[in-house]
PDB file of N, CA and C in Angstrom:
ATOM      1  N   MET A   1      -2.332  12.886  20.359  1.00  0.00           N
ATOM      2  CA  MET A   1      -2.495  11.571  19.780  1.00  0.00           C
ATOM      3  C   MET A   1      -1.465  11.399  18.674  1.00  0.00           C
ATOM      4  N   ASP A   2      -0.922  10.216  18.596  1.00  0.00           N
ATOM      5  CA  ASP A   2       0.094   9.892  17.595  1.00  0.00           C
ATOM      6  C   ASP A   2      -0.563   9.816  16.213  1.00  0.00           C
ATOM      7  N   LEU A   3      -0.043  10.576  15.274  1.00  0.00           N
ATOM      8  CA  LEU A   3      -0.613  10.635  13.929  1.00  0.00           C
ATOM      9  C   LEU A   3      -0.529   9.285  13.224  1.00  0.00           C
ATOM     10  N   SER A   4       0.495   8.500  13.510  1.00  0.00           N
ATOM     11  CA  SER A   4       0.639   7.201  12.837  1.00  0.00           C
ATOM     12  C   SER A   4      -0.523   6.267  13.195  1.00  0.00           C
ATOM     13  N   ILE A   5      -1.049   6.388  14.402  1.00  0.00           N
ATOM     14  CA  ILE A   5      -2.190   5.559  14.800  1.00  0.00           C
ATOM     15  C   ILE A   5      -3.418   5.943  13.981  1.00  0.00           C
ATOM     16  N   VAL A   6      -3.613   7.209  13.786  1.00  0.00           N
ATOM     17  CA  VAL A   6      -4.748   7.693  13.002  1.00  0.00           C
ATOM     18  C   VAL A   6      -4.617   7.216  11.551  1.00  0.00           C
ATOM     19  N   ILE A   7      -3.430   7.291  11.020  1.00  0.00           N
ATOM     20  CA  ILE A   7      -3.185   6.851   9.641  1.00  0.00           C
ATOM     21  C   ILE A   7      -3.444   5.352   9.513  1.00  0.00           C
ATOM     22  N   ARG A   8      -2.959   4.554  10.460  1.00  0.00           N
ATOM     23  CA  ARG A   8      -3.189   3.104  10.436  1.00  0.00           C
ATOM     24  C   ARG A   8      -4.678   2.797  10.530  1.00  0.00           C
ATOM     25  N   LEU A   9      -5.372   3.511  11.383  1.00  0.00           N
ATOM     26  CA  LEU A   9      -6.803   3.316  11.537  1.00  0.00           C
ATOM     27  C   LEU A   9      -7.532   3.634  10.235  1.00  0.00           C
ATOM     28  N   GLU A  10      -7.147   4.714   9.595  1.00  0.00           N
ATOM     29  CA  GLU A  10      -7.765   5.084   8.325  1.00  0.00           C
ATOM     30  C   GLU A  10      -7.503   4.017   7.261  1.00  0.00           C
ATOM     31  N   GLU A  11      -6.298   3.477   7.223  1.00  0.00           N
ATOM     32  CA  GLU A  11      -5.976   2.413   6.268  1.00  0.00           C
ATOM     33  C   GLU A  11      -6.830   1.172   6.528  1.00  0.00           C
ATOM     34  N   LYS A  12      -6.987   0.811   7.796  1.00  0.00           N
ATOM     35  CA  LYS A  12      -7.804  -0.352   8.145  1.00  0.00           C
ATOM     36  C   LYS A  12      -9.266  -0.135   7.754  1.00  0.00           C
ATOM     37  N   ILE A  13      -9.748   1.077   7.969  1.00  0.00           N
ATOM     38  CA  ILE A  13     -11.126   1.401   7.584  1.00  0.00           C
ATOM     39  C   ILE A  13     -11.283   1.289   6.072  1.00  0.00           C
ATOM     40  N   ASP A  14     -10.312   1.798   5.329  1.00  0.00           N
ATOM     41  CA  ASP A  14     -10.349   1.693   3.871  1.00  0.00           C
ATOM     42  C   ASP A  14     -10.360   0.232   3.432  1.00  0.00           C
ATOM     43  N   GLN A  15      -9.550  -0.602   4.095  1.00  0.00           N
ATOM     44  CA  GLN A  15      -9.527  -2.026   3.779  1.00  0.00           C
ATOM     45  C   GLN A  15     -10.886  -2.672   4.061  1.00  0.00           C
ATOM     46  N   LEU A  16     -11.475  -2.324   5.190  1.00  0.00           N
ATOM     47  CA  LEU A  16     -12.788  -2.870   5.534  1.00  0.00           C
ATOM     48  C   LEU A  16     -13.857  -2.444   4.537  1.00  0.00           C
ATOM     49  N   LEU A  17     -13.825  -1.202   4.125  1.00  0.00           N
ATOM     50  CA  LEU A  17     -14.793  -0.716   3.138  1.00  0.00           C
ATOM     51  C   LEU A  17     -14.626  -1.428   1.797  1.00  0.00           C
ATOM     52  N   ALA A  18     -13.390  -1.650   1.393  1.00  0.00           N
ATOM     53  CA  ALA A  18     -13.125  -2.369   0.141  1.00  0.00           C
ATOM     54  C   ALA A  18     -13.610  -3.815   0.250  1.00  0.00           C
ATOM     55  N   ARG A  19     -13.359  -4.432   1.384  1.00  0.00           N
ATOM     56  CA  ARG A  19     -13.805  -5.821   1.607  1.00  0.00           C
ATOM     57  C   ARG A  19     -15.329  -5.899   1.602  1.00  0.00           C
ATOM     58  N   LYS A  20     -15.972  -4.929   2.219  1.00  0.00           N
ATOM     59  CA  LYS A  20     -17.440  -4.881   2.242  1.00  0.00           C
ATOM     60  C   LYS A  20     -17.977  -4.767   0.818  1.00  0.00           C
ATOM     61  N   LYS A  21     -17.371  -3.909   0.014  1.00  0.00           N
ATOM     62  CA  LYS A  21     -17.794  -3.739  -1.369  1.00  0.00           C
ATOM     63  C   LYS A  21     -17.637  -5.050  -2.140  1.00  0.00           C
ATOM     64  N   ASP A  22     -16.509  -5.730  -1.964  1.00  0.00           N
ATOM     65  CA  ASP A  22     -16.268  -7.013  -2.622  1.00  0.00           C
ATOM     66  C   ASP A  22     -17.304  -8.055  -2.197  1.00  0.00           C
ATOM     67  N   LEU A  23     -17.594  -8.102  -0.913  1.00  0.00           N
ATOM     68  CA  LEU A  23     -18.568  -9.073  -0.402  1.00  0.00           C
ATOM     69  C   LEU A  23     -19.977  -8.783  -0.917  1.00  0.00           C
ATOM     70  N   GLU A  24     -20.320  -7.515  -1.012  1.00  0.00           N
ATOM     71  CA  GLU A  24     -21.636  -7.159  -1.555  1.00  0.00           C
ATOM     72  C   GLU A  24     -21.755  -7.567  -3.019  1.00  0.00           C
ATOM     73  N   GLU A  25     -20.691  -7.372  -3.781  1.00  0.00           N
ATOM     74  CA  GLU A  25     -20.695  -7.782  -5.189  1.00  0.00           C
ATOM     75  C   GLU A  25     -20.811  -9.301  -5.305  1.00  0.00           C
ATOM     76  N   ARG A  26     -20.065 -10.008  -4.485  1.00  0.00           N
ATOM     77  CA  ARG A  26     -20.129 -11.478  -4.500  1.00  0.00           C
ATOM     78  C   ARG A  26     -21.524 -11.956  -4.104  1.00  0.00           C
ATOM     79  N   CYS A  27     -22.120 -11.298  -3.156  1.00  0.00           N
ATOM     80  CA  CYS A  27     -23.480 -11.629  -2.728  1.00  0.00           C
ATOM     81  C   CYS A  27     -24.455 -11.455  -3.892  1.00  0.00           C
ATOM     82  N   ARG A  28     -24.330 -10.361  -4.631  1.00  0.00           N
ATOM     83  CA  ARG A  28     -25.197 -10.142  -5.792  1.00  0.00           C
ATOM     84  C   ARG A  28     -24.997 -11.243  -6.827  1.00  0.00           C
ATOM     85  N   GLN A  29     -23.746 -11.650  -7.044  1.00  0.00           N
ATOM     86  CA  GLN A  29     -23.458 -12.722  -8.000  1.00  0.00           C
ATOM     87  C   GLN A  29     -24.090 -14.036  -7.547  1.00  0.00           C
ATOM     88  N   LEU A  30     -23.980 -14.338  -6.269  1.00  0.00           N
ATOM     89  CA  LEU A  30     -24.543 -15.575  -5.749  1.00  0.00           C
ATOM     90  C   LEU A  30     -26.066 -15.586  -5.816  1.00  0.00           C
ATOM     91  N   ILE A  31     -26.679 -14.436  -5.574  1.00  0.00           N
ATOM     92  CA  ILE A  31     -28.132 -14.341  -5.678  1.00  0.00           C
ATOM     93  C   ILE A  31     -28.574 -14.609  -7.117  1.00  0.00           C
ATOM     94  N   ALA A  32     -27.863 -14.034  -8.078  1.00  0.00           N
ATOM     95  CA  ALA A  32     -28.186 -14.252  -9.486  1.00  0.00           C
ATOM     96  C   ALA A  32     -27.968 -15.718  -9.866  1.00  0.00           C
ATOM     97  N   GLU A  33     -26.863 -16.291  -9.415  1.00  0.00           N
ATOM     98  CA  GLU A  33     -26.572 -17.695  -9.701  1.00  0.00           C
ATOM     99  C   GLU A  33     -27.637 -18.601  -9.084  1.00  0.00           C
ATOM    100  N   ASN A  34     -28.049 -18.280  -7.881  1.00  0.00           N
ATOM    101  CA  ASN A  34     -29.080 -19.063  -7.211  1.00  0.00           C
ATOM    102  C   ASN A  34     -30.393 -19.018  -7.989  1.00  0.00           C
ATOM    103  N   ALA A  35     -30.743 -17.857  -8.522  1.00  0.00           N
ATOM    104  CA  ALA A  35     -31.973 -17.727  -9.303  1.00  0.00           C
ATOM    105  C   ALA A  35     -31.924 -18.622 -10.538  1.00  0.00           C
ATOM    106  N   VAL A  36     -30.787 -18.654 -11.206  1.00  0.00           N
ATOM    107  CA  VAL A  36     -30.621 -19.511 -12.383  1.00  0.00           C
ATOM    108  C   VAL A  36     -30.753 -20.983 -11.989  1.00  0.00           C
ATOM    109  N   LEU A  37     -30.107 -21.363 -10.901  1.00  0.00           N
ATOM    110  CA  LEU A  37     -30.169 -22.751 -10.460  1.00  0.00           C
ATOM    111  C   LEU A  37     -31.585 -23.154 -10.058  1.00  0.00           C
ATOM    112  N   LEU A  38     -32.323 -22.257  -9.448  1.00  0.00           N
ATOM    113  CA  LEU A  38     -33.714 -22.556  -9.085  1.00  0.00           C
ATOM    114  C   LEU A  38     -34.573 -22.753 -10.329  1.00  0.00           C
ATOM    115  N   GLN A  39     -34.330 -21.956 -11.361  1.00  0.00           N
ATOM    116  CA  GLN A  39     -35.059 -22.132 -12.621  1.00  0.00           C
ATOM    117  C   GLN A  39     -34.721 -23.476 -13.254  1.00  0.00           C
ATOM    118  N   GLU A  40     -33.445 -23.841 -13.244  1.00  0.00           N
ATOM    119  CA  GLU A  40     -33.031 -25.128 -13.793  1.00  0.00           C
ATOM    120  C   GLU A  40     -33.655 -26.280 -13.005  1.00  0.00           C
ATOM    121  N   LYS A  41     -33.690 -26.150 -11.698  1.00  0.00           N
ATOM    122  CA  LYS A  41     -34.289 -27.181 -10.849  1.00  0.00           C
ATOM    123  C   LYS A  41     -35.768 -27.358 -11.185  1.00  0.00           C
ATOM    124  N   GLU A  42     -36.469 -26.243 -11.347  1.00  0.00           N
ATOM    125  CA  GLU A  42     -37.884 -26.304 -11.691  1.00  0.00           C
ATOM    126  C   GLU A  42     -38.075 -26.975 -13.050  1.00  0.00           C
ATOM    127  N   HIS A  43     -37.233 -26.614 -14.013  1.00  0.00           N
ATOM    128  CA  HIS A  43     -37.324 -27.202 -15.354  1.00  0.00           C
ATOM    129  C   HIS A  43     -37.083 -28.713 -15.299  1.00  0.00           C
ATOM    130  N   VAL A  44     -36.074 -29.131 -14.569  1.00  0.00           N
ATOM    131  CA  VAL A  44     -35.768 -30.563 -14.451  1.00  0.00           C
ATOM    132  C   VAL A  44     -36.927 -31.291 -13.781  1.00  0.00           C
ATOM    133  N   GLY A  45     -37.501 -30.682 -12.751  1.00  0.00           N
ATOM    134  CA  GLY A  45     -38.647 -31.289 -12.078  1.00  0.00           C
ATOM    135  C   GLY A  45     -39.816 -31.485 -13.024  1.00  0.00           C
ATOM    136  N   LEU A  46     -40.098 -30.484 -13.848  1.00  0.00           N
ATOM    137  CA  LEU A  46     -41.183 -30.595 -14.821  1.00  0.00           C
ATOM    138  C   LEU A  46     -40.901 -31.684 -15.851  1.00  0.00           C
ATOM    139  N   GLU A  47     -39.662 -31.759 -16.291  1.00  0.00           N
ATOM    140  CA  GLU A  47     -39.284 -32.799 -17.251  1.00  0.00           C
ATOM    141  C   GLU A  47     -39.431 -34.197 -16.633  1.00  0.00           C
ATOM    142  N   LEU A  48     -39.002 -34.340 -15.378  1.00  0.00           N
ATOM    143  CA  LEU A  48     -39.152 -35.635 -14.710  1.00  0.00           C
ATOM    144  C   LEU A  48     -40.617 -35.997 -14.543  1.00  0.00           C
ATOM    145  N   ASP A  49     -41.442 -35.045 -14.185  1.00  0.00           N
ATOM    146  CA  ASP A  49     -42.881 -35.303 -14.068  1.00  0.00           C
ATOM    147  C   ASP A  49     -43.459 -35.751 -15.403  1.00  0.00           C
ATOM    148  N   ARG A  50     -43.012 -35.115 -16.475  1.00  0.00           N
ATOM    149  CA  ARG A  50     -43.486 -35.483 -17.818  1.00  0.00           C
ATOM    150  C   ARG A  50     -43.080 -36.909 -18.172  1.00  0.00           C
ATOM    151  N   ILE A  51     -41.835 -37.257 -17.875  1.00  0.00           N
ATOM    152  CA  ILE A  51     -41.334 -38.608 -18.170  1.00  0.00           C
ATOM    153  C   ILE A  51     -42.067 -39.646 -17.320  1.00  0.00           C
ATOM    154  N   LEU A  52     -42.269 -39.344 -16.044  1.00  0.00           N
ATOM    155  CA  LEU A  52     -42.985 -40.270 -15.167  1.00  0.00           C
ATOM    156  C   LEU A  52     -44.422 -40.475 -15.631  1.00  0.00           C
ATOM    157  N   ALA A  53     -45.052 -39.420 -16.109  1.00  0.00           N
ATOM    158  CA  ALA A  53     -46.416 -39.547 -16.622  1.00  0.00           C
ATOM    159  C   ALA A  53     -46.445 -40.466 -17.837  1.00  0.00           C
ATOM    160  N   LYS A  54     -45.458 -40.359 -18.710  1.00  0.00           N
ATOM    161  CA  LYS A  54     -45.372 -41.255 -19.871  1.00  0.00           C
ATOM    162  C   LYS A  54     -45.196 -42.704 -19.427  1.00  0.00           C
ATOM    163  N   LEU A  55     -44.307 -42.910 -18.445  1.00  0.00           N
ATOM    164  CA  LEU A  55     -44.071 -44.270 -17.948  1.00  0.00           C
ATOM    165  C   LEU A  55     -45.334 -44.852 -17.310  1.00  0.00           C
ATOM    166  N   GLU A  56     -46.068 -44.042 -16.576  1.00  0.00           N
ATOM    167  CA  GLU A  56     -47.317 -44.506 -15.971  1.00  0.00           C
ATOM    168  C   GLU A  56     -48.328 -44.862 -17.051  1.00  0.00           C
ATOM    169  N   GLY A  57     -48.350 -44.079 -18.124  1.00  0.00           N
ATOM    170  CA  GLY A  57     -49.238 -44.361 -19.242  1.00  0.00           C
ATOM    171  C   GLY A  57     -48.890 -45.678 -19.893  1.00  0.00           C
ATOM    172  N   LEU A  58     -47.610 -45.948 -20.054  1.00  0.00           N
ATOM    173  CA  LEU A  58     -47.176 -47.228 -20.632  1.00  0.00           C
ATOM    174  C   LEU A  58     -47.548 -48.381 -19.729  1.00  0.00           C
ATOM    175  N   ASP A  59     -47.378 -48.188 -18.427  1.00  0.00           N
ATOM    176  CA  ASP A  59     -47.702 -49.237 -17.458  1.00  0.00           C
ATOM    177  C   ASP A  59     -49.185 -49.569 -17.510  1.00  0.00           C
ATOM    178  N   GLN A  60     -50.042 -48.579 -17.669  1.00  0.00           N
ATOM    179  CA  GLN A  60     -51.486 -48.818 -17.736  1.00  0.00           C
ATOM    180  C   GLN A  60     -51.864 -49.525 -19.013  1.00  0.00           C
ATOM    181  N   GLU A  61     -51.151 -49.241 -20.129  1.00  0.00           N
ATOM    182  CA  GLU A  61     -51.426 -49.904 -21.401  1.00  0.00           C
ATOM    183  C   GLU A  61     -51.055 -51.377 -21.326  1.00  0.00           C
ATOM    184  N   VAL A  62     -49.990 -51.706 -20.625  1.00  0.00           N
ATOM    185  CA  VAL A  62     -49.510 -53.088 -20.528  1.00  0.00           C
ATOM    186  C   VAL A  62     -50.425 -53.905 -19.616  1.00  0.00           C
ATOM    187  N   SER A  63     -50.954 -53.292 -18.587  1.00  0.00           N
ATOM    188  CA  SER A  63     -51.771 -54.011 -17.596  1.00  0.00           C
ATOM    189  C   SER A  63     -53.126 -54.373 -18.121  1.00  0.00           C
TER     190      SER A  63
END
């Protein structure tokens, strides 16, 4: 077997392993970012519910 083929294959494997590591790190970052965004979404939803409740209270006072 030609040694250059083995060397090229090893280089490609190293590249794939490095890419896999990068993708796993990016995945962890996205999971963390998603968790933050979900918390913000929940907070905004609660704030909107609070504001809507105030508006409904005002509407009942006027009626």
